Amino acid sequence: MKNGSKKSVTKKKTEVVAERSSGNVFADLGYPNPEEALAKARLSSIITDILKRRRLTQMQAAKILGIDQPKVSRLVRGRIGEFSLERLIHFLGVLDRRVEIVVSPTGGKRKRDYLNVIVR
């Protein structure tokens, strides 16, 4: 550019398309069994919060939970594919949490709304 002239720059406009979430990211992304995936994610998050509040190392947590340290690492990083709901519920019991399972009618809601995790 000669003599201090300025070049005009035109930015491309990118259209952003957003979709309203169903409330379950796993369903939105097309995962199989999205309600179970969300329940497992919520339970693992609760477990991780308990471990953090207790300031446990992964080795200490492994001893309490009865698993090896690499599995604790995967659990706290959200890599929970190898953990069943039953196993996560067992971990909560070991961590002095009571888990209640309540069965109730769906009230005509969509079929995939059959499973929910509520923390009190």
N, C-alpha and C. Protein backbone atom coordinates (compact mmCIF):
# COMPACT_ATOMS: atom_id res chain seq x y z
N MET A 1 0.83 -1.17 0.00
CA MET A 1 0.00 0.00 0.00
C MET A 1 0.89 1.24 0.00
N LYS A 2 0.66 2.08 -0.94
CA LYS A 2 1.47 3.29 -1.06
C LYS A 2 0.83 4.44 -0.30
N ASN A 3 1.64 5.30 0.17
CA ASN A 3 1.24 6.57 0.79
C ASN A 3 0.20 6.40 1.90
N GLY A 4 0.30 5.33 2.69
CA GLY A 4 -0.57 5.17 3.85
C GLY A 4 -2.02 4.86 3.52
N SER A 5 -2.32 4.47 2.30
CA SER A 5 -3.70 4.13 1.97
C SER A 5 -4.09 2.85 2.68
N LYS A 6 -5.35 2.69 2.98
CA LYS A 6 -5.84 1.53 3.72
C LYS A 6 -6.60 0.62 2.77
N LYS A 7 -6.42 -0.66 3.00
CA LYS A 7 -7.13 -1.65 2.21
C LYS A 7 -8.42 -2.01 2.93
N SER A 8 -9.49 -2.03 2.20
CA SER A 8 -10.78 -2.40 2.77
C SER A 8 -10.89 -3.91 2.82
N VAL A 9 -11.20 -4.46 3.96
CA VAL A 9 -11.33 -5.90 4.13
C VAL A 9 -12.80 -6.21 4.39
N THR A 10 -13.34 -7.08 3.57
CA THR A 10 -14.72 -7.50 3.77
C THR A 10 -14.70 -8.91 4.34
N LYS A 11 -15.30 -9.09 5.48
CA LYS A 11 -15.35 -10.41 6.11
C LYS A 11 -16.52 -11.18 5.56
N LYS A 12 -16.29 -12.47 5.37
CA LYS A 12 -17.39 -13.33 4.95
C LYS A 12 -18.36 -13.50 6.11
N LYS A 13 -19.61 -13.46 5.78
CA LYS A 13 -20.62 -13.72 6.80
C LYS A 13 -20.91 -15.20 6.80
N THR A 14 -20.83 -15.80 7.97
CA THR A 14 -21.11 -17.21 8.11
C THR A 14 -22.43 -17.36 8.85
N GLU A 15 -23.32 -18.10 8.24
CA GLU A 15 -24.60 -18.32 8.88
C GLU A 15 -24.46 -19.44 9.91
N VAL A 16 -24.91 -19.16 11.10
CA VAL A 16 -24.87 -20.16 12.17
C VAL A 16 -26.27 -20.71 12.35
N VAL A 17 -26.35 -22.02 12.26
CA VAL A 17 -27.64 -22.67 12.44
C VAL A 17 -27.63 -23.36 13.79
N ALA A 18 -28.64 -23.10 14.58
CA ALA A 18 -28.73 -23.71 15.91
C ALA A 18 -30.02 -24.52 16.00
N GLU A 19 -29.92 -25.62 16.69
CA GLU A 19 -31.09 -26.45 16.95
C GLU A 19 -31.37 -26.45 18.43
N ARG A 20 -32.64 -26.48 18.78
CA ARG A 20 -33.01 -26.57 20.18
C ARG A 20 -32.70 -27.98 20.67
N SER A 21 -32.08 -28.06 21.82
CA SER A 21 -31.72 -29.36 22.40
C SER A 21 -32.94 -30.06 22.96
N SER A 22 -32.88 -31.36 22.93
CA SER A 22 -33.94 -32.16 23.54
C SER A 22 -33.78 -32.22 25.06
N GLY A 23 -32.62 -31.74 25.54
CA GLY A 23 -32.31 -31.85 26.96
C GLY A 23 -31.38 -33.02 27.23
N ASN A 24 -31.13 -33.81 26.20
CA ASN A 24 -30.22 -34.95 26.32
C ASN A 24 -29.26 -34.91 25.14
N VAL A 25 -28.03 -34.50 25.40
CA VAL A 25 -27.04 -34.37 24.33
C VAL A 25 -26.81 -35.70 23.62
N PHE A 26 -26.93 -36.81 24.34
CA PHE A 26 -26.70 -38.12 23.73
C PHE A 26 -27.81 -38.45 22.72
N ALA A 27 -29.04 -38.05 23.02
CA ALA A 27 -30.14 -38.24 22.07
C ALA A 27 -29.94 -37.32 20.87
N ASP A 28 -29.53 -36.08 21.14
CA ASP A 28 -29.33 -35.11 20.06
C ASP A 28 -28.24 -35.59 19.08
N LEU A 29 -27.24 -36.29 19.60
CA LEU A 29 -26.14 -36.77 18.76
C LEU A 29 -26.39 -38.16 18.18
N GLY A 30 -27.55 -38.74 18.49
CA GLY A 30 -27.91 -40.01 17.90
C GLY A 30 -27.29 -41.23 18.54
N TYR A 31 -26.87 -41.11 19.78
CA TYR A 31 -26.29 -42.26 20.50
C TYR A 31 -27.35 -43.34 20.71
N PRO A 32 -26.94 -44.60 20.69
CA PRO A 32 -27.89 -45.65 21.07
C PRO A 32 -28.11 -45.57 22.58
N ASN A 33 -29.31 -45.85 23.06
CA ASN A 33 -29.64 -45.80 24.49
C ASN A 33 -29.24 -44.46 25.14
N PRO A 34 -29.73 -43.36 24.61
CA PRO A 34 -29.30 -42.05 25.13
C PRO A 34 -29.69 -41.79 26.58
N GLU A 35 -30.82 -42.35 27.03
CA GLU A 35 -31.22 -42.12 28.43
C GLU A 35 -30.24 -42.80 29.38
N GLU A 36 -29.82 -44.01 29.04
CA GLU A 36 -28.83 -44.70 29.86
C GLU A 36 -27.50 -43.96 29.84
N ALA A 37 -27.10 -43.47 28.68
CA ALA A 37 -25.84 -42.73 28.58
C ALA A 37 -25.86 -41.48 29.44
N LEU A 38 -26.99 -40.76 29.44
CA LEU A 38 -27.11 -39.56 30.26
C LEU A 38 -27.11 -39.92 31.74
N ALA A 39 -27.79 -40.98 32.12
CA ALA A 39 -27.82 -41.40 33.53
C ALA A 39 -26.40 -41.77 33.99
N LYS A 40 -25.67 -42.50 33.16
CA LYS A 40 -24.30 -42.88 33.51
C LYS A 40 -23.42 -41.64 33.64
N ALA A 41 -23.60 -40.68 32.75
CA ALA A 41 -22.81 -39.44 32.82
C ALA A 41 -23.11 -38.68 34.11
N ARG A 42 -24.37 -38.61 34.48
CA ARG A 42 -24.73 -37.91 35.72
C ARG A 42 -24.19 -38.63 36.94
N LEU A 43 -24.30 -39.96 36.98
CA LEU A 43 -23.78 -40.71 38.12
C LEU A 43 -22.26 -40.57 38.22
N SER A 44 -21.57 -40.64 37.10
CA SER A 44 -20.11 -40.51 37.14
C SER A 44 -19.71 -39.11 37.58
N SER A 45 -20.49 -38.12 37.21
CA SER A 45 -20.22 -36.75 37.66
C SER A 45 -20.37 -36.62 39.17
N ILE A 46 -21.39 -37.25 39.71
CA ILE A 46 -21.61 -37.24 41.17
C ILE A 46 -20.44 -37.93 41.87
N ILE A 47 -20.03 -39.07 41.34
CA ILE A 47 -18.90 -39.81 41.93
C ILE A 47 -17.65 -38.94 41.90
N THR A 48 -17.38 -38.32 40.77
CA THR A 48 -16.20 -37.46 40.63
C THR A 48 -16.25 -36.31 41.63
N ASP A 49 -17.42 -35.69 41.80
CA ASP A 49 -17.56 -34.60 42.77
C ASP A 49 -17.25 -35.07 44.20
N ILE A 50 -17.72 -36.26 44.54
CA ILE A 50 -17.47 -36.81 45.88
C ILE A 50 -15.97 -37.02 46.07
N LEU A 51 -15.32 -37.61 45.08
CA LEU A 51 -13.87 -37.86 45.17
C LEU A 51 -13.10 -36.55 45.33
N LYS A 52 -13.50 -35.52 44.59
CA LYS A 52 -12.84 -34.22 44.69
C LYS A 52 -13.06 -33.59 46.06
N ARG A 53 -14.32 -33.64 46.54
CA ARG A 53 -14.60 -33.06 47.87
C ARG A 53 -13.79 -33.74 48.96
N ARG A 54 -13.58 -35.04 48.81
CA ARG A 54 -12.79 -35.78 49.81
C ARG A 54 -11.29 -35.63 49.58
N ARG A 55 -10.92 -34.96 48.50
CA ARG A 55 -9.51 -34.73 48.15
C ARG A 55 -8.72 -36.03 48.08
N LEU A 56 -9.33 -37.02 47.46
CA LEU A 56 -8.68 -38.32 47.33
C LEU A 56 -7.79 -38.35 46.09
N THR A 57 -6.65 -38.98 46.21
CA THR A 57 -5.85 -39.25 45.02
C THR A 57 -6.55 -40.35 44.23
N GLN A 58 -6.15 -40.53 43.00
CA GLN A 58 -6.73 -41.61 42.21
C GLN A 58 -6.39 -42.97 42.81
N MET A 59 -5.22 -43.10 43.40
CA MET A 59 -4.85 -44.37 44.05
C MET A 59 -5.74 -44.62 45.26
N GLN A 60 -6.00 -43.61 46.07
CA GLN A 60 -6.88 -43.76 47.23
C GLN A 60 -8.29 -44.10 46.79
N ALA A 61 -8.77 -43.40 45.75
CA ALA A 61 -10.11 -43.66 45.23
C ALA A 61 -10.21 -45.09 44.70
N ALA A 62 -9.16 -45.54 44.02
CA ALA A 62 -9.15 -46.90 43.47
C ALA A 62 -9.30 -47.93 44.58
N LYS A 63 -8.60 -47.71 45.67
CA LYS A 63 -8.68 -48.66 46.79
C LYS A 63 -10.09 -48.69 47.38
N ILE A 64 -10.70 -47.53 47.54
CA ILE A 64 -12.05 -47.45 48.09
C ILE A 64 -13.07 -48.09 47.15
N LEU A 65 -12.94 -47.80 45.86
CA LEU A 65 -13.91 -48.28 44.87
C LEU A 65 -13.67 -49.74 44.47
N GLY A 66 -12.48 -50.25 44.79
CA GLY A 66 -12.17 -51.64 44.44
C GLY A 66 -11.81 -51.83 42.97
N ILE A 67 -11.24 -50.79 42.38
CA ILE A 67 -10.79 -50.86 40.99
C ILE A 67 -9.36 -50.36 40.91
N ASP A 68 -8.74 -50.50 39.74
CA ASP A 68 -7.37 -50.00 39.62
C ASP A 68 -7.36 -48.51 39.25
N GLN A 69 -6.20 -47.88 39.44
CA GLN A 69 -6.07 -46.44 39.22
C GLN A 69 -6.41 -46.02 37.79
N PRO A 70 -5.99 -46.77 36.75
CA PRO A 70 -6.36 -46.35 35.40
C PRO A 70 -7.87 -46.27 35.18
N LYS A 71 -8.62 -47.15 35.83
CA LYS A 71 -10.08 -47.09 35.71
C LYS A 71 -10.64 -45.86 36.41
N VAL A 72 -10.04 -45.48 37.54
CA VAL A 72 -10.46 -44.24 38.21
C VAL A 72 -10.18 -43.06 37.29
N SER A 73 -9.04 -43.07 36.65
CA SER A 73 -8.70 -42.00 35.72
C SER A 73 -9.74 -41.89 34.61
N ARG A 74 -10.12 -43.01 34.03
CA ARG A 74 -11.13 -43.00 32.97
C ARG A 74 -12.48 -42.51 33.51
N LEU A 75 -12.82 -42.94 34.71
CA LEU A 75 -14.09 -42.54 35.32
C LEU A 75 -14.15 -41.03 35.51
N VAL A 76 -13.12 -40.44 36.09
CA VAL A 76 -13.15 -39.00 36.38
C VAL A 76 -12.99 -38.16 35.12
N ARG A 77 -12.50 -38.74 34.03
CA ARG A 77 -12.40 -38.03 32.76
C ARG A 77 -13.63 -38.25 31.88
N GLY A 78 -14.62 -38.95 32.42
CA GLY A 78 -15.86 -39.14 31.69
C GLY A 78 -15.83 -40.25 30.65
N ARG A 79 -14.81 -41.07 30.68
CA ARG A 79 -14.70 -42.21 29.77
C ARG A 79 -15.38 -43.40 30.44
N ILE A 80 -16.71 -43.43 30.38
CA ILE A 80 -17.47 -44.34 31.22
C ILE A 80 -18.10 -45.51 30.48
N GLY A 81 -17.72 -45.71 29.24
CA GLY A 81 -18.30 -46.78 28.44
C GLY A 81 -18.19 -48.15 29.07
N GLU A 82 -17.12 -48.39 29.80
CA GLU A 82 -16.90 -49.71 30.40
C GLU A 82 -17.65 -49.91 31.71
N PHE A 83 -18.25 -48.85 32.24
CA PHE A 83 -18.94 -48.93 33.53
C PHE A 83 -20.45 -49.07 33.30
N SER A 84 -21.05 -50.07 33.92
CA SER A 84 -22.51 -50.24 33.83
C SER A 84 -23.18 -49.32 34.85
N LEU A 85 -24.47 -49.10 34.66
CA LEU A 85 -25.23 -48.35 35.67
C LEU A 85 -25.11 -49.02 37.03
N GLU A 86 -25.21 -50.34 37.02
CA GLU A 86 -25.13 -51.09 38.27
C GLU A 86 -23.80 -50.84 38.99
N ARG A 87 -22.73 -50.81 38.23
CA ARG A 87 -21.41 -50.60 38.84
C ARG A 87 -21.29 -49.18 39.38
N LEU A 88 -21.78 -48.20 38.66
CA LEU A 88 -21.73 -46.82 39.13
C LEU A 88 -22.56 -46.66 40.40
N ILE A 89 -23.71 -47.32 40.45
CA ILE A 89 -24.54 -47.30 41.66
C ILE A 89 -23.79 -47.95 42.83
N HIS A 90 -23.09 -49.03 42.55
CA HIS A 90 -22.28 -49.69 43.59
C HIS A 90 -21.22 -48.71 44.12
N PHE A 91 -20.54 -47.99 43.22
CA PHE A 91 -19.53 -47.02 43.65
C PHE A 91 -20.15 -45.97 44.58
N LEU A 92 -21.35 -45.52 44.26
CA LEU A 92 -22.01 -44.53 45.12
C LEU A 92 -22.29 -45.11 46.50
N GLY A 93 -22.68 -46.37 46.56
CA GLY A 93 -22.90 -47.02 47.84
C GLY A 93 -21.63 -47.10 48.66
N VAL A 94 -20.53 -47.45 48.01
CA VAL A 94 -19.23 -47.52 48.68
C VAL A 94 -18.81 -46.13 49.19
N LEU A 95 -19.27 -45.09 48.49
CA LEU A 95 -18.95 -43.71 48.88
C LEU A 95 -20.00 -43.13 49.83
N ASP A 96 -20.74 -44.02 50.50
CA ASP A 96 -21.72 -43.62 51.52
C ASP A 96 -22.88 -42.81 50.97
N ARG A 97 -23.35 -43.17 49.79
CA ARG A 97 -24.53 -42.53 49.22
C ARG A 97 -25.61 -43.58 49.05
N ARG A 98 -26.82 -43.21 49.37
CA ARG A 98 -27.96 -44.09 49.17
C ARG A 98 -28.56 -43.78 47.81
N VAL A 99 -28.82 -44.81 47.05
CA VAL A 99 -29.43 -44.65 45.73
C VAL A 99 -30.82 -45.25 45.79
N GLU A 100 -31.82 -44.47 45.42
CA GLU A 100 -33.20 -44.94 45.40
C GLU A 100 -33.64 -45.09 43.95
N ILE A 101 -34.31 -46.18 43.67
CA ILE A 101 -34.88 -46.39 42.34
C ILE A 101 -36.39 -46.28 42.48
N VAL A 102 -36.97 -45.35 41.76
CA VAL A 102 -38.40 -45.10 41.82
C VAL A 102 -39.01 -45.43 40.47
N VAL A 103 -40.05 -46.22 40.47
CA VAL A 103 -40.75 -46.57 39.24
C VAL A 103 -42.08 -45.84 39.24
N SER A 104 -42.35 -45.09 38.16
CA SER A 104 -43.60 -44.34 38.06
C SER A 104 -44.04 -44.30 36.61
N PRO A 105 -45.31 -44.01 36.39
CA PRO A 105 -45.80 -43.91 35.01
C PRO A 105 -45.12 -42.74 34.30
N THR A 106 -44.97 -42.85 32.99
CA THR A 106 -44.32 -41.79 32.23
C THR A 106 -45.25 -40.62 31.97
N GLY A 107 -46.52 -40.81 32.15
CA GLY A 107 -47.46 -39.72 31.92
C GLY A 107 -47.63 -39.39 30.45
N GLY A 108 -47.41 -40.38 29.61
CA GLY A 108 -47.60 -40.19 28.17
C GLY A 108 -46.44 -39.49 27.48
N LYS A 109 -45.34 -39.27 28.18
CA LYS A 109 -44.19 -38.62 27.56
C LYS A 109 -43.58 -39.53 26.51
N ARG A 110 -42.67 -38.96 25.75
CA ARG A 110 -41.98 -39.75 24.73
C ARG A 110 -41.34 -40.97 25.35
N LYS A 111 -41.24 -42.01 24.60
CA LYS A 111 -40.74 -43.29 25.07
C LYS A 111 -39.33 -43.18 25.65
N ARG A 112 -38.48 -42.33 25.09
CA ARG A 112 -37.10 -42.29 25.56
C ARG A 112 -36.91 -41.53 26.86
N ASP A 113 -37.96 -40.97 27.42
CA ASP A 113 -37.86 -40.27 28.70
C ASP A 113 -38.08 -41.22 29.88
N TYR A 114 -37.67 -42.46 29.75
CA TYR A 114 -37.98 -43.45 30.77
C TYR A 114 -37.01 -43.47 31.94
N LEU A 115 -35.87 -42.80 31.84
CA LEU A 115 -34.84 -42.90 32.87
C LEU A 115 -34.36 -41.51 33.23
N ASN A 116 -34.28 -41.24 34.53
CA ASN A 116 -33.86 -39.92 34.98
C ASN A 116 -33.08 -40.06 36.28
N VAL A 117 -32.06 -39.24 36.46
CA VAL A 117 -31.27 -39.21 37.69
C VAL A 117 -31.56 -37.91 38.41
N ILE A 118 -32.00 -38.01 39.65
CA ILE A 118 -32.31 -36.84 40.46
C ILE A 118 -31.41 -36.87 41.69
N VAL A 119 -30.75 -35.75 41.97
CA VAL A 119 -29.85 -35.67 43.11
C VAL A 119 -30.49 -34.79 44.16
N ARG A 120 -30.50 -35.30 45.38
CA ARG A 120 -31.05 -34.51 46.49
C ARG A 120 -29.94 -34.14 47.43
